[in-house]
Amino acid sequence: MQKKHLWLWMFIVAFITEGYTQNLDLNASSAERKRIADDYYEHGNVAGSRGQFRLAILYYDSAIRLHGGSSDYFFARGQAKELANNNIGALTDFEAALRLDSEHYTSMFKRALIYYKQKNYKQAAKDFTFLINNVETFETKAIVFKGASYDEKGEMIFSGIATLEDMKADVYLARAQTYEKMGFSTPTMLDYDKAISLNNHEPNYYVHRGLFKLSKEDSEGAEVDFRNALEIDQFHRLALYNLSFLVDEEEKNEIDKILYGVGDFAMAYSRRAFENYQKGRYEEALLDYDSALTIKRDNANDLMNRGMVKAKLDRHKDAIKDFESSVYTDNTLTRNFVLIGNSFQELNNYPQAVTYYQRYLRSETGDGVVYYNLGLAYMKARKDDEACEALRKAYDLGEERAEPALEQVCFRLE
C-alpha cells in the first residue's frame, strides 16, 4: 500500500506542478518564478534526502521549467536520476550544468563517476585528473548525495548529505578506483594513500585500500586497513566481512555474531550459505540463501545457488523457478539453462530437458558434459538418432562417460 500511495502522491505532484508552472509562465514576474523555483528545488532536496528520488525529479523538473538558468537545479536533478538508476539522464543533466557554469566542478565529478560506471575509464580518469590538478575546493550550494551506510543497529541511513566545500579526497579515491580498473598498480596505491591523508576519518577509504591490497596478496596490509576502518565505525559491514577471512576462528565467530545477528548483510549470508552447501548442509544453506534473498531479492547468483540447493533437496520444481528467475535477472548466467534441464530430467520431463540443454548449447557449443546430458535425455525420450549424435559430440569433446551409452544407442540404430 505504501508504494501505491507514493505513486499516487507523485501523480498529484506532477499534475499540480505542471498546471501551476504553466500559469506562472504567463502571469508571474521573473523574480516570482525564481522564488517558486527555489521552493520546488528545496522540496526536491527533502524528497531526495528521504530516498524518494523519482518524486525529487518531479520537483526539480518544475524548478527547471520555471527557471532554466540554474546549474544547481540541473546538478540536483542529475543526482536524483543517477540514484534512480537513470545514468544516461544523469549524464545529460551534469553536462547541462557544466554548460551553464563551466566551473560547476561537482557536476564534473559526478559526470566522471557516470563515466566510471559505464566503464569509460579513460574519460573518467581524464576528468578526475583535471579536478585534482586544477581545483582546490569544490564550492556549491547544492546538496551532494554521497551514498548510504549502516548505523549500529544495522539500519541503512544516507550519509554525507551535506553541502561540501572540499571533495578533494573523494576525487583521489575515485581516480584510485579508476586506475585500479585500468591496471595501474602504483598510481592506484598513491591515490588511495592521498585520499586517506586528506581525510583519515572516512572508513570506506580504508576498506577500498584494504581490498586493493588483498588483490595484491598483501593480507597483512589489508588487515591493518580493515581494522582502521573499524576504529572509525565498529559496525562497518564490509570491513567486518573482509576481516573475517583474515583472522583466527575465535575472532571470526565474534565477527559473525555481528554480521548475522543483525541480519541486514546479504553478502554474509551468501558466504555462509555457500560454505554450508560445500559441506553438504543443504537445509542450513537454504535458510541462509533465503535470508540473503530477503535482503536483496535480485541477486542472480544467489538465486542460481539457491536453486542448486533445492535440487539437492529434490525440490526440483522450486529449483526451476529459481533458475528461471536467475537467468531473467542476469541473462549472462546461461548455466541456468543446464541446471533447468537437469531438474526436468529428474522430473522425467525429457522433452523440456532437451529444450533447455539446446538453449545453452546455442551459445556454448564446446561443453561435452551438456552434450552427454542432452544425449541421455534423447535416449529416455526414445529419440535414438538425436541421442546418438549428441553422445558422439560429447565423446569427441572428451566426455568418456558417453562411451557406454554411445555404443548402446548407436548399436540399436545399426
Protein backbone atom coordinates (compact mmCIF):
# COMPACT_ATOMS: atom_id res chain seq x y z
CA MET A 1 0.00 0.00 0.00
CA GLN A 2 2.79 2.43 0.79
CA LYS A 3 4.17 2.10 -2.74
CA LYS A 4 0.73 2.77 -4.23
CA HIS A 5 0.34 5.84 -2.06
CA LEU A 6 3.75 7.12 -3.12
CA TRP A 7 2.93 6.78 -6.81
CA LEU A 8 -0.45 8.45 -6.25
CA TRP A 9 1.30 11.32 -4.47
CA MET A 10 3.83 11.60 -7.30
CA PHE A 11 1.00 11.79 -9.82
CA ILE A 12 -0.74 14.52 -7.83
CA VAL A 13 2.51 16.49 -7.51
CA ALA A 14 3.17 16.16 -11.24
CA PHE A 15 -0.37 17.25 -12.12
CA ILE A 16 -0.38 20.26 -9.79
CA THR A 17 3.13 21.44 -10.60
CA GLU A 18 2.62 21.10 -14.35
CA GLY A 19 -0.51 23.23 -14.31
CA TYR A 20 0.94 25.71 -11.83
CA THR A 21 4.15 26.30 -13.76
CA GLN A 22 2.25 26.84 -16.99
CA ASN A 23 0.16 29.54 -15.31
CA LEU A 24 3.24 31.15 -13.79
CA ASP A 25 4.94 31.35 -17.17
CA LEU A 26 2.15 33.66 -18.27
CA ASN A 27 1.45 35.69 -15.15
CA ALA A 28 4.45 35.83 -12.83
CA SER A 29 7.48 38.06 -12.89
CA SER A 30 10.94 36.61 -13.37
CA ALA A 31 11.70 37.13 -9.68
CA GLU A 32 8.49 35.39 -8.65
CA ARG A 33 9.22 32.42 -10.93
CA LYS A 34 12.70 32.16 -9.41
CA ARG A 35 11.25 32.24 -5.90
CA ILE A 36 8.78 29.46 -6.70
CA ALA A 37 11.50 27.51 -8.50
CA ASP A 38 13.69 27.68 -5.40
CA ASP A 39 10.76 26.37 -3.37
CA TYR A 40 10.38 23.38 -5.71
CA TYR A 41 14.12 22.85 -5.56
CA GLU A 42 14.04 22.68 -1.76
CA HIS A 43 11.11 20.23 -1.89
CA GLY A 44 13.19 18.13 -4.25
CA ASN A 45 16.08 18.14 -1.82
CA VAL A 46 13.83 16.96 1.01
CA ALA A 47 12.41 14.15 -1.16
CA GLY A 48 15.90 13.15 -2.23
CA SER A 49 17.18 13.04 1.34
CA ARG A 50 14.37 10.59 2.10
CA GLY A 51 15.33 8.37 -0.81
CA GLN A 52 12.26 9.40 -2.86
CA PHE A 53 14.29 10.08 -5.97
CA ARG A 54 11.51 9.89 -8.56
CA LEU A 55 9.48 12.34 -6.54
CA ALA A 56 12.54 14.57 -6.26
CA ILE A 57 12.90 14.52 -10.06
CA LEU A 58 9.34 15.84 -10.44
CA TYR A 59 10.12 18.76 -8.16
CA TYR A 60 13.38 19.51 -9.97
CA ASP A 61 11.55 19.31 -13.31
CA SER A 62 9.20 22.05 -12.11
CA ALA A 63 12.08 24.19 -10.83
CA ILE A 64 13.85 23.92 -14.20
CA ARG A 65 10.68 24.77 -16.16
CA LEU A 66 10.33 27.93 -14.08
CA HIS A 67 13.99 28.90 -14.13
CA GLY A 68 16.24 27.04 -16.55
CA GLY A 69 19.35 29.04 -15.82
CA SER A 70 20.42 27.39 -12.57
CA SER A 71 23.28 24.92 -12.78
CA ASP A 72 22.41 23.71 -9.27
CA TYR A 73 18.93 22.66 -10.42
CA PHE A 74 20.35 20.55 -13.23
CA PHE A 75 23.01 19.12 -10.94
CA ALA A 76 20.39 18.16 -8.35
CA ARG A 77 18.15 16.53 -10.94
CA GLY A 78 21.15 14.69 -12.35
CA GLN A 79 21.92 13.23 -8.94
CA ALA A 80 18.30 12.17 -8.45
CA LYS A 81 18.31 10.48 -11.87
CA GLU A 82 21.59 8.77 -11.05
CA LEU A 83 20.18 7.43 -7.79
CA ALA A 84 17.06 6.30 -9.65
CA ASN A 85 19.37 4.27 -11.96
CA ASN A 86 18.96 6.56 -14.98
CA ASN A 87 22.64 7.13 -15.73
CA ILE A 88 22.08 8.47 -19.25
CA GLY A 89 19.64 11.09 -17.98
CA ALA A 90 22.01 11.95 -15.16
CA LEU A 91 24.90 12.45 -17.57
CA THR A 92 22.76 14.77 -19.69
CA ASP A 93 21.90 16.91 -16.66
CA PHE A 94 25.50 17.11 -15.44
CA GLU A 95 26.54 18.23 -18.93
CA ALA A 96 23.77 20.86 -18.87
CA ALA A 97 25.01 22.15 -15.51
CA LEU A 98 28.53 22.47 -16.91
CA ARG A 99 27.28 24.35 -19.97
CA LEU A 100 25.62 26.87 -17.66
CA ASP A 101 28.65 27.08 -15.39
CA SER A 102 31.96 25.67 -16.59
CA GLU A 103 33.27 25.83 -13.00
CA HIS A 104 30.47 23.71 -11.54
CA TYR A 105 33.08 21.16 -10.56
CA THR A 106 30.75 18.92 -8.57
CA SER A 107 28.96 18.27 -11.88
CA MET A 108 32.26 17.32 -13.49
CA PHE A 109 32.98 14.99 -10.58
CA LYS A 110 29.58 13.33 -10.88
CA ARG A 111 29.97 13.14 -14.65
CA ALA A 112 33.25 11.32 -14.18
CA LEU A 113 31.57 8.87 -11.82
CA ILE A 114 28.99 8.10 -14.52
CA TYR A 115 31.82 7.51 -16.99
CA TYR A 116 33.31 5.11 -14.45
CA LYS A 117 30.01 3.21 -14.16
CA GLN A 118 29.88 3.00 -17.94
CA LYS A 119 33.43 1.54 -17.92
CA ASN A 120 34.72 4.55 -19.84
CA TYR A 121 37.75 4.61 -17.56
CA LYS A 122 39.93 6.75 -19.83
CA GLN A 123 37.42 9.62 -19.85
CA ALA A 124 36.73 9.22 -16.14
CA ALA A 125 40.45 9.40 -15.34
CA LYS A 126 40.76 12.49 -17.54
CA ASP A 127 38.04 14.32 -15.58
CA PHE A 128 39.38 13.23 -12.19
CA THR A 129 42.89 14.34 -13.15
CA PHE A 130 41.63 17.74 -14.29
CA LEU A 131 39.88 18.21 -10.95
CA ILE A 132 42.96 17.15 -8.99
CA ASN A 133 45.28 19.44 -10.94
CA ASN A 134 43.03 22.49 -11.23
CA VAL A 135 40.57 22.63 -8.34
CA GLU A 136 41.43 23.26 -4.71
CA THR A 137 37.91 23.46 -3.28
CA PHE A 138 34.51 22.41 -4.57
CA GLU A 139 32.05 25.11 -3.69
CA THR A 140 28.37 24.57 -4.37
CA LYS A 141 25.07 25.44 -2.80
CA ALA A 142 23.69 22.15 -3.99
CA ILE A 143 23.33 19.14 -1.71
CA VAL A 144 25.72 16.37 -2.67
CA PHE A 145 24.48 12.84 -2.07
CA LYS A 146 27.41 10.58 -1.27
CA GLY A 147 25.62 7.29 -0.58
CA ALA A 148 24.40 5.14 2.27
CA SER A 149 25.85 3.50 5.35
CA TYR A 150 24.61 1.49 8.34
CA ASP A 151 24.06 2.53 11.93
CA GLU A 152 24.84 0.39 14.97
CA LYS A 153 21.52 -1.46 14.64
CA GLY A 154 22.16 -2.28 11.00
CA GLU A 155 19.63 0.22 9.69
CA MET A 156 20.57 1.79 6.37
CA ILE A 157 20.95 5.56 6.53
CA PHE A 158 22.04 8.12 3.98
CA SER A 159 25.47 9.51 4.69
CA GLY A 160 27.26 12.59 3.53
CA ILE A 161 24.12 14.53 2.62
CA ALA A 162 25.55 17.97 3.12
CA THR A 163 26.99 20.92 1.34
CA LEU A 164 30.63 20.02 0.77
CA GLU A 165 33.36 22.61 0.46
CA ASP A 166 36.19 20.18 -0.15
CA MET A 167 35.75 16.92 -2.03
CA LYS A 168 39.40 16.50 -2.99
CA ALA A 169 39.76 13.28 -1.01
CA ASP A 170 36.75 11.80 -2.80
CA VAL A 171 38.28 12.67 -6.15
CA TYR A 172 41.53 10.92 -5.27
CA LEU A 173 39.56 7.86 -4.13
CA ALA A 174 37.56 7.81 -7.36
CA ARG A 175 40.69 8.12 -9.50
CA ALA A 176 42.33 5.33 -7.48
CA GLN A 177 39.39 3.04 -8.29
CA THR A 178 39.60 4.07 -11.94
CA TYR A 179 43.33 3.42 -12.13
CA GLU A 180 42.74 0.06 -10.46
CA LYS A 181 40.34 -0.90 -13.25
CA MET A 182 42.92 0.23 -15.80
CA GLY A 183 45.61 -1.96 -14.19
CA PHE A 184 47.86 0.88 -12.97
CA SER A 185 49.05 -0.51 -9.62
CA THR A 186 51.45 2.15 -8.36
CA PRO A 187 49.24 5.17 -9.23
CA THR A 188 46.32 3.35 -7.64
CA MET A 189 48.09 2.93 -4.31
CA LEU A 190 49.39 6.50 -4.38
CA ASP A 191 45.87 7.84 -4.87
CA TYR A 192 44.41 5.68 -2.08
CA ASP A 193 47.18 6.94 0.20
CA LYS A 194 46.49 10.55 -0.79
CA ALA A 195 42.76 10.20 -0.19
CA ILE A 196 43.41 8.90 3.32
CA SER A 197 45.97 11.60 4.05
CA LEU A 198 43.34 14.22 3.15
CA ASN A 199 40.55 12.53 5.10
CA ASN A 200 41.55 9.88 7.63
CA HIS A 201 38.10 9.81 9.23
CA GLU A 202 36.30 8.04 6.36
CA PRO A 203 36.17 4.24 6.91
CA ASN A 204 35.29 3.49 3.29
CA TYR A 205 38.67 4.80 2.15
CA TYR A 206 40.47 2.24 4.32
CA VAL A 207 38.19 -0.57 3.13
CA HIS A 208 38.83 0.24 -0.54
CA ARG A 209 42.57 0.39 0.01
CA GLY A 210 42.42 -2.85 2.00
CA LEU A 211 40.61 -4.61 -0.83
CA PHE A 212 43.23 -3.38 -3.28
CA LYS A 213 45.99 -4.70 -1.00
CA LEU A 214 44.19 -8.05 -0.86
CA SER A 215 44.15 -8.18 -4.65
CA LYS A 216 47.95 -7.73 -4.48
CA GLU A 217 48.24 -10.55 -1.90
CA ASP A 218 49.16 -8.14 0.92
CA SER A 219 46.98 -9.75 3.58
CA GLU A 220 48.77 -8.08 6.48
CA GLY A 221 48.34 -4.61 5.00
CA ALA A 222 44.70 -5.34 4.19
CA GLU A 223 44.01 -6.46 7.75
CA VAL A 224 45.50 -3.21 9.09
CA ASP A 225 43.23 -1.18 6.81
CA PHE A 226 40.09 -3.12 7.75
CA ARG A 227 40.90 -2.66 11.43
CA ASN A 228 41.48 1.06 10.86
CA ALA A 229 38.03 1.28 9.27
CA LEU A 230 36.53 -0.46 12.30
CA GLU A 231 38.26 2.01 14.63
CA ILE A 232 36.15 4.68 12.96
CA ASP A 233 32.95 2.63 12.55
CA GLN A 234 32.85 -0.56 14.60
CA PHE A 235 29.82 -1.83 12.68
CA HIS A 236 31.15 -1.22 9.18
CA ARG A 237 29.80 -4.25 7.34
CA LEU A 238 32.34 -4.53 4.52
CA ALA A 239 35.25 -4.08 6.90
CA LEU A 240 33.89 -6.80 9.17
CA TYR A 241 33.07 -9.12 6.29
CA ASN A 242 36.52 -8.89 4.69
CA LEU A 243 38.36 -9.01 8.01
CA SER A 244 36.58 -12.27 8.83
CA PHE A 245 38.61 -14.00 6.09
CA LEU A 246 41.91 -12.94 7.67
CA VAL A 247 41.51 -13.73 11.36
CA ASP A 248 41.52 -16.85 13.54
CA GLU A 249 38.39 -18.90 14.21
CA GLU A 250 37.67 -17.27 17.56
CA GLU A 251 37.62 -13.73 16.18
CA LYS A 252 35.73 -14.88 13.09
CA ASN A 253 32.98 -16.23 15.34
CA GLU A 254 32.75 -12.86 17.09
CA ILE A 255 32.52 -11.08 13.76
CA ASP A 256 29.83 -13.49 12.57
CA LYS A 257 27.72 -12.62 15.61
CA ILE A 258 27.66 -9.03 14.44
CA LEU A 259 27.10 -9.80 10.76
CA TYR A 260 24.44 -12.46 11.16
CA GLY A 261 22.97 -11.26 14.41
CA VAL A 262 21.75 -8.01 12.90
CA GLY A 263 20.61 -9.74 9.74
CA ASP A 264 20.98 -6.91 7.24
CA PHE A 265 24.03 -8.00 5.31
CA ALA A 266 23.16 -10.18 2.33
CA MET A 267 26.76 -10.94 1.37
CA ALA A 268 27.48 -12.54 4.73
CA TYR A 269 24.50 -14.88 4.41
CA SER A 270 25.54 -15.76 0.86
CA ARG A 271 29.02 -16.69 2.00
CA ARG A 272 27.80 -18.88 4.86
CA ALA A 273 25.23 -20.49 2.57
CA PHE A 274 27.98 -21.45 0.11
CA GLU A 275 30.10 -22.87 2.93
CA ASN A 276 27.16 -24.96 4.15
CA TYR A 277 26.47 -26.14 0.60
CA GLN A 278 30.06 -27.32 0.19
CA LYS A 279 29.79 -29.24 3.47
CA GLY A 280 26.53 -30.90 2.40
CA ARG A 281 24.43 -28.97 4.92
CA TYR A 282 21.71 -28.23 2.43
CA GLU A 283 18.91 -27.27 4.81
CA GLU A 284 21.18 -24.75 6.54
CA ALA A 285 22.39 -23.44 3.18
CA LEU A 286 18.80 -22.96 2.07
CA LEU A 287 17.95 -20.92 5.16
CA ASP A 288 20.94 -18.65 4.56
CA TYR A 289 20.14 -18.15 0.87
CA ASP A 290 16.56 -17.36 1.86
CA SER A 291 17.88 -14.71 4.27
CA ALA A 292 20.23 -13.24 1.66
CA LEU A 293 17.45 -13.04 -0.93
CA THR A 294 15.05 -11.48 1.54
CA ILE A 295 17.55 -8.63 1.84
CA LYS A 296 18.49 -8.45 -1.87
CA ARG A 297 15.89 -10.16 -3.99
CA ASP A 298 17.52 -9.60 -7.38
CA ASN A 299 20.88 -11.25 -6.72
CA ALA A 300 21.12 -13.55 -9.74
CA ASN A 301 23.97 -15.63 -8.34
CA ASP A 302 22.16 -16.26 -5.06
CA LEU A 303 19.03 -17.27 -6.97
CA MET A 304 21.01 -19.76 -9.04
CA ASN A 305 22.82 -21.14 -5.98
CA ARG A 306 19.60 -21.46 -4.01
CA GLY A 307 18.16 -23.39 -6.94
CA MET A 308 21.12 -25.76 -6.77
CA VAL A 309 20.46 -26.31 -3.06
CA LYS A 310 16.79 -27.03 -3.74
CA ALA A 311 17.81 -29.51 -6.44
CA LYS A 312 20.00 -31.30 -3.89
CA LEU A 313 16.93 -31.49 -1.64
CA ASP A 314 14.88 -32.97 -4.53
CA ARG A 315 12.71 -29.86 -4.73
CA HIS A 316 13.12 -29.63 -8.46
CA LYS A 317 10.01 -27.60 -9.33
CA ASP A 318 11.07 -24.90 -6.86
CA ALA A 319 14.64 -25.14 -8.14
CA ILE A 320 13.47 -24.46 -11.70
CA LYS A 321 11.70 -21.29 -10.55
CA ASP A 322 14.93 -20.01 -9.01
CA PHE A 323 16.98 -20.86 -12.09
CA GLU A 324 14.47 -19.08 -14.33
CA SER A 325 14.47 -16.01 -12.06
CA SER A 326 18.27 -16.01 -12.04
CA VAL A 327 18.71 -16.02 -15.81
CA TYR A 328 15.90 -13.47 -16.18
CA THR A 329 17.74 -11.16 -13.77
CA ASP A 330 21.12 -11.72 -15.45
CA ASN A 331 20.94 -13.17 -18.95
CA THR A 332 24.69 -13.84 -18.98
CA LEU A 333 24.22 -16.67 -16.46
CA THR A 334 23.38 -19.16 -19.18
CA ARG A 335 24.46 -22.07 -16.95
CA ASN A 336 20.95 -21.80 -15.51
CA PHE A 337 19.65 -23.44 -18.70
CA VAL A 338 21.72 -26.55 -17.96
CA LEU A 339 20.50 -26.62 -14.37
CA ILE A 340 16.90 -26.30 -15.53
CA GLY A 341 17.47 -29.15 -17.98
CA ASN A 342 18.92 -31.31 -15.21
CA SER A 343 15.90 -30.67 -12.99
CA PHE A 344 13.50 -31.53 -15.80
CA GLN A 345 15.42 -34.79 -16.26
CA GLU A 346 14.89 -35.57 -12.58
CA LEU A 347 11.18 -34.85 -13.07
CA ASN A 348 11.17 -37.27 -16.06
CA ASN A 349 10.18 -34.41 -18.38
CA TYR A 350 12.69 -35.22 -21.09
CA PRO A 351 11.34 -33.00 -23.90
CA GLN A 352 11.68 -29.95 -21.65
CA ALA A 353 15.16 -31.08 -20.59
CA VAL A 354 16.17 -31.26 -24.26
CA THR A 355 14.79 -27.77 -24.89
CA TYR A 356 16.88 -26.19 -22.16
CA TYR A 357 20.07 -28.06 -22.99
CA GLN A 358 19.68 -26.86 -26.58
CA ARG A 359 19.19 -23.27 -25.40
CA TYR A 360 22.50 -23.47 -23.57
CA LEU A 361 24.34 -25.15 -26.45
CA ARG A 362 23.30 -22.43 -28.89
CA SER A 363 25.89 -20.22 -27.22
CA GLU A 364 28.23 -22.74 -25.55
CA THR A 365 28.89 -25.43 -28.15
CA GLY A 366 32.03 -26.94 -26.64
CA ASP A 367 30.64 -28.43 -23.44
CA GLY A 368 30.90 -32.21 -23.53
CA VAL A 369 29.03 -32.69 -20.24
CA VAL A 370 25.96 -30.90 -21.56
CA TYR A 371 26.02 -32.88 -24.81
CA TYR A 372 26.18 -36.02 -22.64
CA ASN A 373 23.15 -34.89 -20.61
CA LEU A 374 21.36 -34.00 -23.84
CA GLY A 375 22.11 -37.44 -25.23
CA LEU A 376 20.68 -39.13 -22.12
CA ALA A 377 17.53 -37.01 -22.34
CA TYR A 378 17.07 -38.01 -26.01
CA MET A 379 17.61 -41.67 -25.07
CA LYS A 380 14.94 -41.51 -22.39
CA ALA A 381 12.63 -39.75 -24.83
CA ARG A 382 13.29 -42.63 -27.26
CA LYS A 383 14.87 -40.44 -29.93
CA ASP A 384 17.84 -42.63 -30.81
CA ASP A 385 19.07 -40.68 -33.85
CA GLU A 386 19.34 -37.45 -31.90
CA ALA A 387 20.77 -39.29 -28.89
CA CYS A 388 23.50 -40.91 -30.97
CA GLU A 389 24.50 -37.55 -32.49
CA ALA A 390 24.63 -35.79 -29.11
CA LEU A 391 26.59 -38.59 -27.45
CA ARG A 392 29.12 -38.64 -30.31
CA LYS A 393 29.74 -34.91 -29.75
CA ALA A 394 30.08 -35.50 -26.02
CA TYR A 395 32.64 -38.26 -26.59
CA ASP A 396 34.56 -36.18 -29.16
CA LEU A 397 34.75 -33.38 -26.59
CA GLY A 398 36.37 -35.71 -24.04
CA GLU A 399 33.34 -36.84 -22.04
CA GLU A 400 34.30 -40.51 -21.51
CA ARG A 401 31.05 -41.32 -19.69
CA ALA A 402 29.33 -41.06 -23.06
CA GLU A 403 31.04 -44.18 -24.43
CA PRO A 404 28.76 -46.90 -22.94
CA ALA A 405 25.59 -45.02 -23.82
CA LEU A 406 27.01 -44.22 -27.25
CA GLU A 407 27.66 -47.90 -28.00
CA GLN A 408 24.22 -48.83 -26.73
CA VAL A 409 22.13 -46.33 -28.65
CA CYS A 410 24.15 -46.23 -31.85
CA PHE A 411 24.26 -50.07 -31.92
CA ARG A 412 20.47 -50.13 -31.85
CA LEU A 413 20.46 -47.91 -34.92
CA GLU A 414 22.70 -50.32 -36.81
